[in-house]
């Protein structure tokens, strides 16, 4: 057996052990898995679990990409990972193509723990995000709530942001609740980005280290919409009011976010 093959067998065993331990820890804490995608298949993302937001309307942030649908160049599963890829190309009137996957209508939760193990893209102008929105139809932002589990902007490498937005606390009013932690190897190693939330608080973690908390002040829906159903989003934006503050380096493309798994846990009957 070659050294190369031995290394990858060793790596596969480590990954299995890591997954097993993670499941045991979750069970010990009273969590039960209610939804997951392990990306153990090939092709387009599982349509029973994922839908797409589509278009190039700027998404409220003057973003530059066009989000496509059912296009493997922008979203595909291969070698055990979901790959979201941004390409520098003319697509439907935009200079960049990307994908924005959502669980809306296929995975909506009022509370729980969500874990996303991901490797983030590098480069000026990139803006990957792992986040949640209220599942109200039609959605009214920010009133129906947003939880940002992970945001990273390429001009500030390694700074991982967590935030919540609601009618009372949001970035338009400059009242958003937010925190930053440093993950220097964000683009070289996978890390687990997670949120736990219930009727009283939102907590956000990187690799089990909690660095953001937001508590229900019991003043009404304006300050706490987070007891209503919410869904998960995974995307890479290009440029925009925040991600593009220092421009976009076109030489970096294509860039990718790799997702090893998404797991959702709940306690009790919720």
C-alpha atoms as a PDB file:
ATOM      1  CA  UNK A   1       0.000   0.000   0.000  1.00  0.00           C
ATOM      2  CA  UNK A   2       1.452   3.367  -0.985  1.00  0.00           C
ATOM      3  CA  UNK A   3       2.082   6.112   1.544  1.00  0.00           C
ATOM      4  CA  UNK A   4      -0.407   8.277  -0.361  1.00  0.00           C
ATOM      5  CA  UNK A   5      -3.183   5.689  -0.004  1.00  0.00           C
ATOM      6  CA  UNK A   6      -2.352   5.075   3.653  1.00  0.00           C
ATOM      7  CA  UNK A   7      -2.639   8.792   4.326  1.00  0.00           C
ATOM      8  CA  UNK A   8      -6.110   9.043   2.806  1.00  0.00           C
ATOM      9  CA  UNK A   9      -7.294   5.925   4.619  1.00  0.00           C
ATOM     10  CA  UNK A  10      -6.032   7.460   7.859  1.00  0.00           C
ATOM     11  CA  UNK A  11      -7.801  10.719   7.026  1.00  0.00           C
ATOM     12  CA  UNK A  12     -11.064   8.882   6.302  1.00  0.00           C
ATOM     13  CA  UNK A  13     -10.879   7.119   9.669  1.00  0.00           C
ATOM     14  CA  UNK A  14     -10.264  10.416  11.473  1.00  0.00           C
ATOM     15  CA  UNK A  15     -13.299  11.969   9.771  1.00  0.00           C
ATOM     16  CA  UNK A  16     -15.488   9.028  10.767  1.00  0.00           C
ATOM     17  CA  UNK A  17     -14.279   9.224  14.366  1.00  0.00           C
ATOM     18  CA  UNK A  18     -14.888  12.989  14.426  1.00  0.00           C
ATOM     19  CA  UNK A  19     -18.433  12.502  13.145  1.00  0.00           C
ATOM     20  CA  UNK A  20     -19.116   9.700  15.647  1.00  0.00           C
ATOM     21  CA  UNK A  21     -17.844  11.735  18.599  1.00  0.00           C
ATOM     22  CA  UNK A  22     -19.874  14.742  17.499  1.00  0.00           C
ATOM     23  CA  UNK A  23     -23.026  12.641  17.373  1.00  0.00           C
ATOM     24  CA  UNK A  24     -22.309  11.174  20.811  1.00  0.00           C
ATOM     25  CA  UNK A  25     -21.771  14.638  22.306  1.00  0.00           C
ATOM     26  CA  UNK A  26     -25.032  15.886  20.795  1.00  0.00           C
ATOM     27  CA  UNK A  27     -26.924  12.889  22.160  1.00  0.00           C
ATOM     28  CA  UNK A  28     -25.379  13.363  25.607  1.00  0.00           C
ATOM     29  CA  UNK A  29     -26.627  16.949  25.641  1.00  0.00           C
ATOM     30  CA  UNK A  30     -30.178  15.837  24.855  1.00  0.00           C
ATOM     31  CA  UNK A  31     -30.178  16.764  21.184  1.00  0.00           C
ATOM     32  CA  UNK A  32     -31.730  14.529  18.533  1.00  0.00           C
ATOM     33  CA  UNK A  33     -31.007  14.933  14.849  1.00  0.00           C
ATOM     34  CA  UNK A  34     -34.112  15.931  12.876  1.00  0.00           C
ATOM     35  CA  UNK A  35     -32.620  16.921   9.504  1.00  0.00           C
ATOM     36  CA  UNK A  36     -29.296  16.545   7.760  1.00  0.00           C
ATOM     37  CA  UNK A  37     -27.436  16.437   4.500  1.00  0.00           C
ATOM     38  CA  UNK A  38     -24.152  14.517   4.585  1.00  0.00           C
ATOM     39  CA  UNK A  39     -23.508  15.098   0.850  1.00  0.00           C
ATOM     40  CA  UNK A  40     -22.775  11.419   0.308  1.00  0.00           C
ATOM     41  CA  UNK A  41     -24.007  11.510  -3.286  1.00  0.00           C
ATOM     42  CA  UNK A  42     -23.023  13.085  -6.596  1.00  0.00           C
ATOM     43  CA  UNK A  43     -24.664  15.741  -8.751  1.00  0.00           C
ATOM     44  CA  UNK A  44     -27.007  18.594  -7.964  1.00  0.00           C
ATOM     45  CA  UNK A  45     -27.964  19.311  -4.341  1.00  0.00           C
ATOM     46  CA  UNK A  46     -30.794  17.096  -3.058  1.00  0.00           C
ATOM     47  CA  UNK A  47     -33.999  18.774  -4.264  1.00  0.00           C
ATOM     48  CA  UNK A  48     -35.978  17.286  -1.366  1.00  0.00           C
ATOM     49  CA  UNK A  49     -33.861  19.401   0.996  1.00  0.00           C
ATOM     50  CA  UNK A  50     -32.670  22.430  -0.979  1.00  0.00           C
ATOM     51  CA  UNK A  51     -34.203  25.091  -3.187  1.00  0.00           C
ATOM     52  CA  UNK A  52     -32.588  28.148  -4.792  1.00  0.00           C
ATOM     53  CA  UNK A  53     -32.950  31.888  -4.566  1.00  0.00           C
ATOM     54  CA  UNK A  54     -32.435  33.157  -8.107  1.00  0.00           C
ATOM     55  CA  UNK A  55     -31.486  36.431  -9.745  1.00  0.00           C
ATOM     56  CA  UNK A  56     -29.294  39.521  -9.737  1.00  0.00           C
ATOM     57  CA  UNK A  57     -31.394  42.148  -7.991  1.00  0.00           C
ATOM     58  CA  UNK A  58     -28.608  43.069  -5.574  1.00  0.00           C
ATOM     59  CA  UNK A  59     -30.395  41.319  -2.694  1.00  0.00           C
ATOM     60  CA  UNK A  60     -30.696  44.534  -0.689  1.00  0.00           C
ATOM     61  CA  UNK A  61     -26.912  44.945  -0.555  1.00  0.00           C
ATOM     62  CA  UNK A  62     -25.960  45.986  -4.117  1.00  0.00           C
ATOM     63  CA  UNK A  63     -24.335  42.585  -4.646  1.00  0.00           C
ATOM     64  CA  UNK A  64     -22.855  41.873  -8.075  1.00  0.00           C
ATOM     65  CA  UNK A  65     -23.574  38.176  -8.636  1.00  0.00           C
ATOM     66  CA  UNK A  66     -26.390  36.324 -10.402  1.00  0.00           C
ATOM     67  CA  UNK A  67     -27.662  33.393  -8.351  1.00  0.00           C
ATOM     68  CA  UNK A  68     -28.430  30.469 -10.663  1.00  0.00           C
ATOM     69  CA  UNK A  69     -30.639  27.381 -10.318  1.00  0.00           C
ATOM     70  CA  UNK A  70     -29.840  23.742 -11.107  1.00  0.00           C
ATOM     71  CA  UNK A  71     -26.488  24.727 -12.581  1.00  0.00           C
ATOM     72  CA  UNK A  72     -23.676  22.411 -11.433  1.00  0.00           C
ATOM     73  CA  UNK A  73     -21.052  25.004 -12.301  1.00  0.00           C
ATOM     74  CA  UNK A  74     -22.372  26.992  -9.328  1.00  0.00           C
ATOM     75  CA  UNK A  75     -23.744  24.343  -6.957  1.00  0.00           C
ATOM     76  CA  UNK A  76     -22.940  20.641  -6.977  1.00  0.00           C
ATOM     77  CA  UNK A  77     -22.112  17.705  -4.737  1.00  0.00           C
ATOM     78  CA  UNK A  78     -18.930  15.757  -5.365  1.00  0.00           C
ATOM     79  CA  UNK A  79     -16.394  13.808  -3.310  1.00  0.00           C
ATOM     80  CA  UNK A  80     -18.523  14.106  -0.186  1.00  0.00           C
ATOM     81  CA  UNK A  81     -18.900  17.885  -0.250  1.00  0.00           C
ATOM     82  CA  UNK A  82     -21.405  20.464  -1.354  1.00  0.00           C
ATOM     83  CA  UNK A  83     -19.546  22.958  -3.526  1.00  0.00           C
ATOM     84  CA  UNK A  84     -20.835  26.481  -4.051  1.00  0.00           C
ATOM     85  CA  UNK A  85     -18.708  28.118  -6.728  1.00  0.00           C
ATOM     86  CA  UNK A  86     -18.485  31.697  -7.937  1.00  0.00           C
ATOM     87  CA  UNK A  87     -17.389  32.246 -11.519  1.00  0.00           C
ATOM     88  CA  UNK A  88     -16.296  35.428 -13.241  1.00  0.00           C
ATOM     89  CA  UNK A  89     -18.421  35.275 -16.384  1.00  0.00           C
ATOM     90  CA  UNK A  90     -21.175  37.187 -18.089  1.00  0.00           C
ATOM     91  CA  UNK A  91     -24.394  35.613 -16.891  1.00  0.00           C
ATOM     92  CA  UNK A  92     -27.848  37.119 -17.306  1.00  0.00           C
ATOM     93  CA  UNK A  93     -26.480  40.642 -17.212  1.00  0.00           C
ATOM     94  CA  UNK A  94     -24.065  40.108 -14.319  1.00  0.00           C
ATOM     95  CA  UNK A  95     -20.287  39.717 -14.287  1.00  0.00           C
ATOM     96  CA  UNK A  96     -20.396  36.851 -11.785  1.00  0.00           C
ATOM     97  CA  UNK A  97     -22.456  33.684 -11.296  1.00  0.00           C
ATOM     98  CA  UNK A  98     -22.993  32.016  -7.931  1.00  0.00           C
ATOM     99  CA  UNK A  99     -25.600  30.032  -5.982  1.00  0.00           C
ATOM    100  CA  UNK A 100     -27.772  30.657  -2.954  1.00  0.00           C
ATOM    101  CA  UNK A 101     -29.243  27.467  -1.492  1.00  0.00           C
ATOM    102  CA  UNK A 102     -32.182  27.612   0.914  1.00  0.00           C
ATOM    103  CA  UNK A 103     -34.161  25.082   2.962  1.00  0.00           C
ATOM    104  CA  UNK A 104     -37.323  27.212   2.999  1.00  0.00           C
ATOM    105  CA  UNK A 105     -40.383  24.954   2.851  1.00  0.00           C
ATOM    106  CA  UNK A 106     -38.170  21.874   3.169  1.00  0.00           C
ATOM    107  CA  UNK A 107     -36.477  22.619   6.467  1.00  0.00           C
ATOM    108  CA  UNK A 108     -38.017  25.221   8.786  1.00  0.00           C
ATOM    109  CA  UNK A 109     -37.483  25.206  12.539  1.00  0.00           C
ATOM    110  CA  UNK A 110     -38.598  27.217  15.571  1.00  0.00           C
ATOM    111  CA  UNK A 111     -35.627  26.221  17.715  1.00  0.00           C
ATOM    112  CA  UNK A 112     -32.679  23.875  17.771  1.00  0.00           C
ATOM    113  CA  UNK A 113     -29.017  23.545  16.902  1.00  0.00           C
ATOM    114  CA  UNK A 114     -27.662  23.811  13.371  1.00  0.00           C
ATOM    115  CA  UNK A 115     -24.109  22.744  12.525  1.00  0.00           C
ATOM    116  CA  UNK A 116     -22.418  23.450   9.191  1.00  0.00           C
ATOM    117  CA  UNK A 117     -18.877  22.155   8.667  1.00  0.00           C
ATOM    118  CA  UNK A 118     -17.358  24.329   5.968  1.00  0.00           C
ATOM    119  CA  UNK A 119     -14.207  25.507   4.232  1.00  0.00           C
ATOM    120  CA  UNK A 120     -14.518  29.152   3.186  1.00  0.00           C
ATOM    121  CA  UNK A 121     -13.299  30.927   0.043  1.00  0.00           C
ATOM    122  CA  UNK A 122     -10.483  33.461   0.067  1.00  0.00           C
ATOM    123  CA  UNK A 123     -10.121  36.660  -1.911  1.00  0.00           C
ATOM    124  CA  UNK A 124     -10.999  40.329  -2.113  1.00  0.00           C
ATOM    125  CA  UNK A 125     -14.687  40.825  -2.878  1.00  0.00           C
ATOM    126  CA  UNK A 126     -15.934  37.449  -1.615  1.00  0.00           C
ATOM    127  CA  UNK A 127     -18.745  37.359   0.927  1.00  0.00           C
ATOM    128  CA  UNK A 128     -19.720  33.814   1.962  1.00  0.00           C
ATOM    129  CA  UNK A 129     -22.513  33.335   4.460  1.00  0.00           C
ATOM    130  CA  UNK A 130     -24.205  30.631   6.514  1.00  0.00           C
ATOM    131  CA  UNK A 131     -27.371  32.183   7.877  1.00  0.00           C
ATOM    132  CA  UNK A 132     -31.079  32.001   8.641  1.00  0.00           C
ATOM    133  CA  UNK A 133     -34.180  33.972   7.763  1.00  0.00           C
ATOM    134  CA  UNK A 134     -37.733  33.913   9.020  1.00  0.00           C
ATOM    135  CA  UNK A 135     -39.927  31.620   6.923  1.00  0.00           C
ATOM    136  CA  UNK A 136     -42.951  33.958   6.858  1.00  0.00           C
ATOM    137  CA  UNK A 137     -44.554  34.309   3.428  1.00  0.00           C
ATOM    138  CA  UNK A 138     -44.198  37.001   2.335  1.00  0.00           C
ATOM    139  CA  UNK A 139     -41.034  37.731   4.293  1.00  0.00           C
ATOM    140  CA  UNK A 140     -40.794  41.185   5.822  1.00  0.00           C
ATOM    141  CA  UNK A 141     -37.204  42.096   6.575  1.00  0.00           C
ATOM    142  CA  UNK A 142     -35.954  42.759   9.200  1.00  0.00           C
ATOM    143  CA  UNK A 143     -39.204  42.279  11.112  1.00  0.00           C
ATOM    144  CA  UNK A 144     -39.307  38.492  10.594  1.00  0.00           C
ATOM    145  CA  UNK A 145     -35.735  38.016  11.772  1.00  0.00           C
ATOM    146  CA  UNK A 146     -32.284  37.060  10.516  1.00  0.00           C
ATOM    147  CA  UNK A 147     -29.571  35.065  12.273  1.00  0.00           C
ATOM    148  CA  UNK A 148     -26.113  35.184  10.720  1.00  0.00           C
ATOM    149  CA  UNK A 149     -24.264  32.060  11.838  1.00  0.00           C
ATOM    150  CA  UNK A 150     -21.178  32.923   9.787  1.00  0.00           C
ATOM    151  CA  UNK A 151     -20.250  35.817   7.535  1.00  0.00           C
ATOM    152  CA  UNK A 152     -16.790  36.525   6.174  1.00  0.00           C
ATOM    153  CA  UNK A 153     -15.673  39.352   3.906  1.00  0.00           C
ATOM    154  CA  UNK A 154     -12.557  38.825   1.834  1.00  0.00           C
ATOM    155  CA  UNK A 155     -10.964  42.188   2.628  1.00  0.00           C
ATOM    156  CA  UNK A 156     -10.697  41.176   6.305  1.00  0.00           C
ATOM    157  CA  UNK A 157      -9.288  37.627   6.202  1.00  0.00           C
ATOM    158  CA  UNK A 158     -10.039  35.432   9.184  1.00  0.00           C
ATOM    159  CA  UNK A 159     -12.613  37.673  10.866  1.00  0.00           C
ATOM    160  CA  UNK A 160     -15.779  35.587  11.316  1.00  0.00           C
ATOM    161  CA  UNK A 161     -18.934  37.549  12.094  1.00  0.00           C
ATOM    162  CA  UNK A 162     -22.121  36.499  13.911  1.00  0.00           C
ATOM    163  CA  UNK A 163     -25.168  38.757  14.058  1.00  0.00           C
ATOM    164  CA  UNK A 164     -28.894  38.951  14.558  1.00  0.00           C
ATOM    165  CA  UNK A 165     -31.263  41.375  12.854  1.00  0.00           C
ATOM    166  CA  UNK A 166     -34.852  42.237  13.728  1.00  0.00           C
ATOM    167  CA  UNK A 167     -37.041  45.338  13.564  1.00  0.00           C
ATOM    168  CA  UNK A 168     -35.503  46.849  16.699  1.00  0.00           C
ATOM    169  CA  UNK A 169     -31.917  45.719  16.110  1.00  0.00           C
ATOM    170  CA  UNK A 170     -30.545  45.790  12.557  1.00  0.00           C
ATOM    171  CA  UNK A 171     -27.701  47.181  10.494  1.00  0.00           C
ATOM    172  CA  UNK A 172     -29.885  49.783   8.755  1.00  0.00           C
ATOM    173  CA  UNK A 173     -30.459  51.425  12.139  1.00  0.00           C
ATOM    174  CA  UNK A 174     -26.867  50.629  13.199  1.00  0.00           C
ATOM    175  CA  UNK A 175     -28.314  48.756  16.169  1.00  0.00           C
ATOM    176  CA  UNK A 176     -27.569  45.186  15.083  1.00  0.00           C
ATOM    177  CA  UNK A 177     -26.233  42.814  17.686  1.00  0.00           C
ATOM    178  CA  UNK A 178     -22.967  41.295  16.490  1.00  0.00           C
ATOM    179  CA  UNK A 179     -19.638  39.748  17.467  1.00  0.00           C
ATOM    180  CA  UNK A 180     -16.379  38.777  15.765  1.00  0.00           C
ATOM    181  CA  UNK A 181     -13.995  35.903  16.318  1.00  0.00           C
ATOM    182  CA  UNK A 182     -10.735  35.148  14.527  1.00  0.00           C
ATOM    183  CA  UNK A 183     -10.295  31.967  12.470  1.00  0.00           C
ATOM    184  CA  UNK A 184      -6.974  32.485  10.662  1.00  0.00           C
ATOM    185  CA  UNK A 185      -7.111  29.197   8.717  1.00  0.00           C
ATOM    186  CA  UNK A 186     -10.714  29.680   7.530  1.00  0.00           C
ATOM    187  CA  UNK A 187      -9.719  28.860   3.945  1.00  0.00           C
ATOM    188  CA  UNK A 188      -7.307  26.009   4.686  1.00  0.00           C
ATOM    189  CA  UNK A 189      -9.213  23.885   7.215  1.00  0.00           C
ATOM    190  CA  UNK A 190     -12.827  22.930   7.759  1.00  0.00           C
ATOM    191  CA  UNK A 191     -14.496  24.440  10.810  1.00  0.00           C
ATOM    192  CA  UNK A 192     -17.906  23.828  12.363  1.00  0.00           C
ATOM    193  CA  UNK A 193     -20.103  26.929  12.401  1.00  0.00           C
ATOM    194  CA  UNK A 194     -23.131  26.446  14.645  1.00  0.00           C
ATOM    195  CA  UNK A 195     -26.119  28.160  16.202  1.00  0.00           C
ATOM    196  CA  UNK A 196     -28.314  27.161  19.128  1.00  0.00           C
ATOM    197  CA  UNK A 197     -31.550  29.024  19.691  1.00  0.00           C
ATOM    198  CA  UNK A 198     -34.769  28.718  21.654  1.00  0.00           C
ATOM    199  CA  UNK A 199     -37.387  31.071  23.067  1.00  0.00           C
ATOM    200  CA  UNK A 200     -34.880  32.783  25.349  1.00  0.00           C
ATOM    201  CA  UNK A 201     -31.558  33.147  23.550  1.00  0.00           C
ATOM    202  CA  UNK A 202     -29.458  32.782  20.409  1.00  0.00           C
ATOM    203  CA  UNK A 203     -25.911  31.458  20.777  1.00  0.00           C
ATOM    204  CA  UNK A 204     -23.353  31.159  17.960  1.00  0.00           C
ATOM    205  CA  UNK A 205     -20.245  28.991  17.963  1.00  0.00           C
ATOM    206  CA  UNK A 206     -17.119  28.126  15.994  1.00  0.00           C
ATOM    207  CA  UNK A 207     -15.789  24.641  16.764  1.00  0.00           C
ATOM    208  CA  UNK A 208     -17.874  24.469  19.961  1.00  0.00           C
ATOM    209  CA  UNK A 209     -16.531  27.792  21.235  1.00  0.00           C
ATOM    210  CA  UNK A 210     -19.418  30.173  21.886  1.00  0.00           C
ATOM    211  CA  UNK A 211     -18.563  33.764  21.030  1.00  0.00           C
ATOM    212  CA  UNK A 212     -21.957  35.431  20.511  1.00  0.00           C
ATOM    213  CA  UNK A 213     -25.126  35.545  22.629  1.00  0.00           C
ATOM    214  CA  UNK A 214     -28.370  37.446  22.196  1.00  0.00           C
ATOM    215  CA  UNK A 215     -31.141  37.227  24.781  1.00  0.00           C
ATOM    216  CA  UNK A 216     -34.901  37.678  24.577  1.00  0.00           C
ATOM    217  CA  UNK A 217     -35.708  40.915  26.387  1.00  0.00           C
ATOM    218  CA  UNK A 218     -39.443  40.051  26.321  1.00  0.00           C
ATOM    219  CA  UNK A 219     -40.427  43.395  24.846  1.00  0.00           C
ATOM    220  CA  UNK A 220     -42.327  41.962  21.872  1.00  0.00           C
ATOM    221  CA  UNK A 221     -41.913  40.777  18.296  1.00  0.00           C
ATOM    222  CA  UNK A 222     -39.895  43.843  17.258  1.00  0.00           C
ATOM    223  CA  UNK A 223     -36.999  42.634  19.404  1.00  0.00           C
ATOM    224  CA  UNK A 224     -37.609  38.884  19.255  1.00  0.00           C
ATOM    225  CA  UNK A 225     -39.066  37.253  16.117  1.00  0.00           C
ATOM    226  CA  UNK A 226     -36.909  34.167  16.648  1.00  0.00           C
ATOM    227  CA  UNK A 227     -39.611  31.891  18.070  1.00  0.00           C
ATOM    228  CA  UNK A 228     -41.255  31.647  14.644  1.00  0.00           C
ATOM    229  CA  UNK A 229     -40.111  29.165  11.944  1.00  0.00           C
ATOM    230  CA  UNK A 230     -36.788  29.965  10.301  1.00  0.00           C
ATOM    231  CA  UNK A 231     -34.837  28.352   7.465  1.00  0.00           C
ATOM    232  CA  UNK A 232     -31.181  28.013   6.499  1.00  0.00           C
ATOM    233  CA  UNK A 233     -29.295  29.686   3.635  1.00  0.00           C
ATOM    234  CA  UNK A 234     -25.839  28.975   2.174  1.00  0.00           C
ATOM    235  CA  UNK A 235     -24.327  31.328  -0.398  1.00  0.00           C
ATOM    236  CA  UNK A 236     -21.358  33.283  -1.674  1.00  0.00           C
ATOM    237  CA  UNK A 237     -22.037  36.888  -2.635  1.00  0.00           C
ATOM    238  CA  UNK A 238     -19.664  39.089  -4.620  1.00  0.00           C
ATOM    239  CA  UNK A 239     -19.045  42.717  -3.748  1.00  0.00           C
ATOM    240  CA  UNK A 240     -21.946  44.614  -2.249  1.00  0.00           C
ATOM    241  CA  UNK A 241     -22.213  47.327   0.359  1.00  0.00           C
ATOM    242  CA  UNK A 242     -20.079  45.357   2.794  1.00  0.00           C
ATOM    243  CA  UNK A 243     -18.264  42.670   0.833  1.00  0.00           C
ATOM    244  CA  UNK A 244     -17.216  45.120  -1.857  1.00  0.00           C
ATOM    245  CA  UNK A 245     -16.016  47.975   0.335  1.00  0.00           C
ATOM    246  CA  UNK A 246     -12.444  47.537  -0.946  1.00  0.00           C
ATOM    247  CA  UNK A 247     -13.305  46.316  -4.418  1.00  0.00           C
ATOM    248  CA  UNK A 248     -13.273  42.911  -6.111  1.00  0.00           C
ATOM    249  CA  UNK A 249     -10.145  41.116  -7.316  1.00  0.00           C
ATOM    250  CA  UNK A 250     -11.189  39.393 -10.534  1.00  0.00           C
ATOM    251  CA  UNK A 251      -7.977  37.352 -10.620  1.00  0.00           C
ATOM    252  CA  UNK A 252      -9.148  35.109  -7.749  1.00  0.00           C
ATOM    253  CA  UNK A 253     -12.043  33.458  -9.573  1.00  0.00           C
ATOM    254  CA  UNK A 254     -13.354  30.820  -9.578  1.00  0.00           C
ATOM    255  CA  UNK A 255     -13.662  30.502  -5.787  1.00  0.00           C
ATOM    256  CA  UNK A 256     -15.519  27.871  -3.770  1.00  0.00           C
ATOM    257  CA  UNK A 257     -17.123  27.221  -0.426  1.00  0.00           C
ATOM    258  CA  UNK A 258     -17.034  23.519   0.500  1.00  0.00           C
ATOM    259  CA  UNK A 259     -19.597  22.147   2.949  1.00  0.00           C
ATOM    260  CA  UNK A 260     -18.913  18.761   4.527  1.00  0.00           C
ATOM    261  CA  UNK A 261     -22.291  18.426   6.237  1.00  0.00           C
ATOM    262  CA  UNK A 262     -25.336  20.255   7.543  1.00  0.00           C
ATOM    263  CA  UNK A 263     -26.995  18.833  10.668  1.00  0.00           C
ATOM    264  CA  UNK A 264     -30.031  20.069  12.547  1.00  0.00           C
ATOM    265  CA  UNK A 265     -30.834  18.964  16.098  1.00  0.00           C
ATOM    266  CA  UNK A 266     -33.751  19.641  18.399  1.00  0.00           C
ATOM    267  CA  UNK A 267     -34.773  18.906  21.961  1.00  0.00           C
ATOM    268  CA  UNK A 268     -38.190  17.670  23.068  1.00  0.00           C
ATOM    269  CA  UNK A 269     -41.073  17.893  20.609  1.00  0.00           C
ATOM    270  CA  UNK A 270     -39.957  21.000  18.705  1.00  0.00           C
END
